[in-house]
Amino acid sequence: MTIIINRGENVETNERTTEYFSEAVKKDLDRFAEHLTRIEVHFSDINGDKGGPEDKKCVIEARMKNREPLAVTAQEDAMEKAFNSALGKVKASMTTIVGKMRNH
């Protein structure tokens, strides 16, 4: 499973934060690794330098083997909050999808 972290032009990340997000994805989605080929995390700042409530956006796209990609979005006031919210959504969706696959 390949993990790619992308950021928008107004989003500041460094090697440490990129590693943190990659490790969190591995930890939370490792049990689905046999079903996943790639995870892409996209960060953006909706209002740019202006700021504002819920202006940090995180989109996580999970590419599954032999299935359409799954994409979730979360907006919060902090990048980490948006990431954790989106990661929770992906985890819940993957649990449902893989559960249905096993039942068939």
C-alpha atoms as a PDB file:
ATOM      1  CA  MET A   1       0.000   0.000   0.000  1.00  0.00           C
ATOM      2  CA  THR A   2       1.512   3.277  -1.153  1.00  0.00           C
ATOM      3  CA  ILE A   3       0.744   6.437   0.849  1.00  0.00           C
ATOM      4  CA  ILE A   4       1.022   9.836  -0.831  1.00  0.00           C
ATOM      5  CA  ILE A   5       0.639  13.124   1.062  1.00  0.00           C
ATOM      6  CA  ASN A   6      -0.231  16.184  -1.076  1.00  0.00           C
ATOM      7  CA  ARG A   7      -0.619  19.753   0.103  1.00  0.00           C
ATOM      8  CA  GLY A   8      -2.127  22.884  -1.398  1.00  0.00           C
ATOM      9  CA  GLU A   9      -0.119  26.039  -1.896  1.00  0.00           C
ATOM     10  CA  ASN A  10      -1.234  27.711   1.360  1.00  0.00           C
ATOM     11  CA  VAL A  11      -0.622  24.604   3.483  1.00  0.00           C
ATOM     12  CA  GLU A  12       2.637  24.304   5.345  1.00  0.00           C
ATOM     13  CA  THR A  13       3.970  20.849   6.115  1.00  0.00           C
ATOM     14  CA  ASN A  14       7.402  19.534   6.880  1.00  0.00           C
ATOM     15  CA  GLU A  15       9.016  16.114   6.888  1.00  0.00           C
ATOM     16  CA  ARG A  16       7.902  15.479  10.466  1.00  0.00           C
ATOM     17  CA  THR A  17       4.217  16.228   9.830  1.00  0.00           C
ATOM     18  CA  THR A  18       4.259  14.269   6.579  1.00  0.00           C
ATOM     19  CA  GLU A  19       5.724  11.294   8.441  1.00  0.00           C
ATOM     20  CA  TYR A  20       3.112  11.672  11.208  1.00  0.00           C
ATOM     21  CA  PHE A  21       0.233  11.594   8.704  1.00  0.00           C
ATOM     22  CA  SER A  22       1.751   8.631   6.819  1.00  0.00           C
ATOM     23  CA  GLU A  23       2.218   6.637  10.027  1.00  0.00           C
ATOM     24  CA  ALA A  24      -1.334   7.392  11.163  1.00  0.00           C
ATOM     25  CA  VAL A  25      -2.708   6.129   7.831  1.00  0.00           C
ATOM     26  CA  LYS A  26      -0.597   2.950   8.084  1.00  0.00           C
ATOM     27  CA  LYS A  27      -1.690   2.324  11.658  1.00  0.00           C
ATOM     28  CA  ASP A  28      -5.413   2.855  11.065  1.00  0.00           C
ATOM     29  CA  LEU A  29      -5.723   1.200   7.645  1.00  0.00           C
ATOM     30  CA  ASP A  30      -3.146  -1.597   7.902  1.00  0.00           C
ATOM     31  CA  ARG A  31      -5.834  -4.247   8.429  1.00  0.00           C
ATOM     32  CA  PHE A  32      -7.193  -3.352   4.968  1.00  0.00           C
ATOM     33  CA  ALA A  33      -3.769  -3.429   3.259  1.00  0.00           C
ATOM     34  CA  GLU A  34      -4.586  -6.527   1.191  1.00  0.00           C
ATOM     35  CA  HIS A  35      -7.490  -4.608  -0.395  1.00  0.00           C
ATOM     36  CA  LEU A  36      -5.684  -1.289  -0.969  1.00  0.00           C
ATOM     37  CA  THR A  37      -3.160  -0.267  -3.596  1.00  0.00           C
ATOM     38  CA  ARG A  38      -2.747   3.410  -2.719  1.00  0.00           C
ATOM     39  CA  ILE A  39      -3.908   6.048  -0.253  1.00  0.00           C
ATOM     40  CA  GLU A  40      -3.705   9.712  -1.247  1.00  0.00           C
ATOM     41  CA  VAL A  41      -4.144  12.455   1.344  1.00  0.00           C
ATOM     42  CA  HIS A  42      -4.823  15.964   0.008  1.00  0.00           C
ATOM     43  CA  PHE A  43      -4.631  19.011   2.282  1.00  0.00           C
ATOM     44  CA  SER A  44      -5.898  22.451   1.337  1.00  0.00           C
ATOM     45  CA  ASP A  45      -6.595  25.785   2.991  1.00  0.00           C
ATOM     46  CA  ILE A  46      -9.919  27.022   1.669  1.00  0.00           C
ATOM     47  CA  ASN A  47      -9.573  30.687   2.665  1.00  0.00           C
ATOM     48  CA  GLY A  48      -5.837  31.009   2.146  1.00  0.00           C
ATOM     49  CA  ASP A  49      -4.286  33.696   4.345  1.00  0.00           C
ATOM     50  CA  LYS A  50      -7.689  34.993   5.508  1.00  0.00           C
ATOM     51  CA  GLY A  51      -8.354  32.136   7.938  1.00  0.00           C
ATOM     52  CA  GLY A  52     -11.797  31.405   9.276  1.00  0.00           C
ATOM     53  CA  PRO A  53     -13.799  28.565  10.761  1.00  0.00           C
ATOM     54  CA  GLU A  54     -13.449  25.178   9.120  1.00  0.00           C
ATOM     55  CA  ASP A  55     -11.095  26.495   6.448  1.00  0.00           C
ATOM     56  CA  LYS A  56      -8.743  23.491   6.585  1.00  0.00           C
ATOM     57  CA  LYS A  57      -9.769  20.688   4.260  1.00  0.00           C
ATOM     58  CA  CYS A  58      -8.553  17.110   4.042  1.00  0.00           C
ATOM     59  CA  VAL A  59      -9.552  14.711   1.283  1.00  0.00           C
ATOM     60  CA  ILE A  60      -8.461  11.089   1.571  1.00  0.00           C
ATOM     61  CA  GLU A  61      -8.737   8.872  -1.469  1.00  0.00           C
ATOM     62  CA  ALA A  62      -8.421   5.123  -0.965  1.00  0.00           C
ATOM     63  CA  ARG A  63      -7.698   3.160  -4.135  1.00  0.00           C
ATOM     64  CA  MET A  64      -8.875  -0.398  -3.779  1.00  0.00           C
ATOM     65  CA  LYS A  65      -7.988  -3.449  -5.863  1.00  0.00           C
ATOM     66  CA  ASN A  66     -10.645  -4.165  -8.518  1.00  0.00           C
ATOM     67  CA  ARG A  67     -13.016  -1.458  -7.198  1.00  0.00           C
ATOM     68  CA  GLU A  68     -13.734   2.208  -7.721  1.00  0.00           C
ATOM     69  CA  PRO A  69     -11.736   4.594  -5.501  1.00  0.00           C
ATOM     70  CA  LEU A  70     -13.284   5.726  -2.242  1.00  0.00           C
ATOM     71  CA  ALA A  71     -12.942   9.431  -1.397  1.00  0.00           C
ATOM     72  CA  VAL A  72     -13.939  11.237   1.796  1.00  0.00           C
ATOM     73  CA  THR A  73     -13.708  14.898   2.760  1.00  0.00           C
ATOM     74  CA  ALA A  74     -13.517  16.680   6.103  1.00  0.00           C
ATOM     75  CA  GLN A  75     -13.307  20.386   6.942  1.00  0.00           C
ATOM     76  CA  GLU A  76     -12.190  21.655  10.333  1.00  0.00           C
ATOM     77  CA  ASP A  77     -10.422  24.637  11.879  1.00  0.00           C
ATOM     78  CA  ALA A  78      -7.111  22.749  12.136  1.00  0.00           C
ATOM     79  CA  MET A  79      -5.329  20.485   9.653  1.00  0.00           C
ATOM     80  CA  GLU A  80      -4.862  17.652  12.139  1.00  0.00           C
ATOM     81  CA  LYS A  81      -8.551  17.716  13.089  1.00  0.00           C
ATOM     82  CA  ALA A  82      -9.566  17.573   9.426  1.00  0.00           C
ATOM     83  CA  PHE A  83      -7.139  14.694   8.839  1.00  0.00           C
ATOM     84  CA  ASN A  84      -8.393  12.693  11.839  1.00  0.00           C
ATOM     85  CA  SER A  85     -12.004  13.232  10.831  1.00  0.00           C
ATOM     86  CA  ALA A  86     -11.360  12.143   7.235  1.00  0.00           C
ATOM     87  CA  LEU A  87      -9.314   9.149   8.379  1.00  0.00           C
ATOM     88  CA  GLY A  88     -12.167   8.054  10.636  1.00  0.00           C
ATOM     89  CA  LYS A  89     -14.564   8.261   7.699  1.00  0.00           C
ATOM     90  CA  VAL A  90     -12.276   6.171   5.473  1.00  0.00           C
ATOM     91  CA  LYS A  91     -11.842   3.580   8.215  1.00  0.00           C
ATOM     92  CA  ALA A  92     -15.611   3.291   8.726  1.00  0.00           C
ATOM     93  CA  SER A  93     -16.264   3.033   4.979  1.00  0.00           C
ATOM     94  CA  MET A  94     -13.544   0.426   4.506  1.00  0.00           C
ATOM     95  CA  THR A  95     -14.949  -1.622   7.399  1.00  0.00           C
ATOM     96  CA  THR A  96     -18.346  -1.640   5.692  1.00  0.00           C
ATOM     97  CA  ILE A  97     -17.001  -2.393   2.204  1.00  0.00           C
ATOM     98  CA  VAL A  98     -14.665  -5.186   3.306  1.00  0.00           C
ATOM     99  CA  GLY A  99     -17.391  -6.652   5.517  1.00  0.00           C
ATOM    100  CA  LYS A 100     -19.766  -6.816   2.563  1.00  0.00           C
ATOM    101  CA  MET A 101     -17.039  -8.353   0.379  1.00  0.00           C
ATOM    102  CA  ARG A 102     -16.482 -11.117   2.928  1.00  0.00           C
ATOM    103  CA  ASN A 103     -20.196 -11.864   3.191  1.00  0.00           C
ATOM    104  CA  HIS A 104     -20.516 -12.448  -0.552  1.00  0.00           C
END
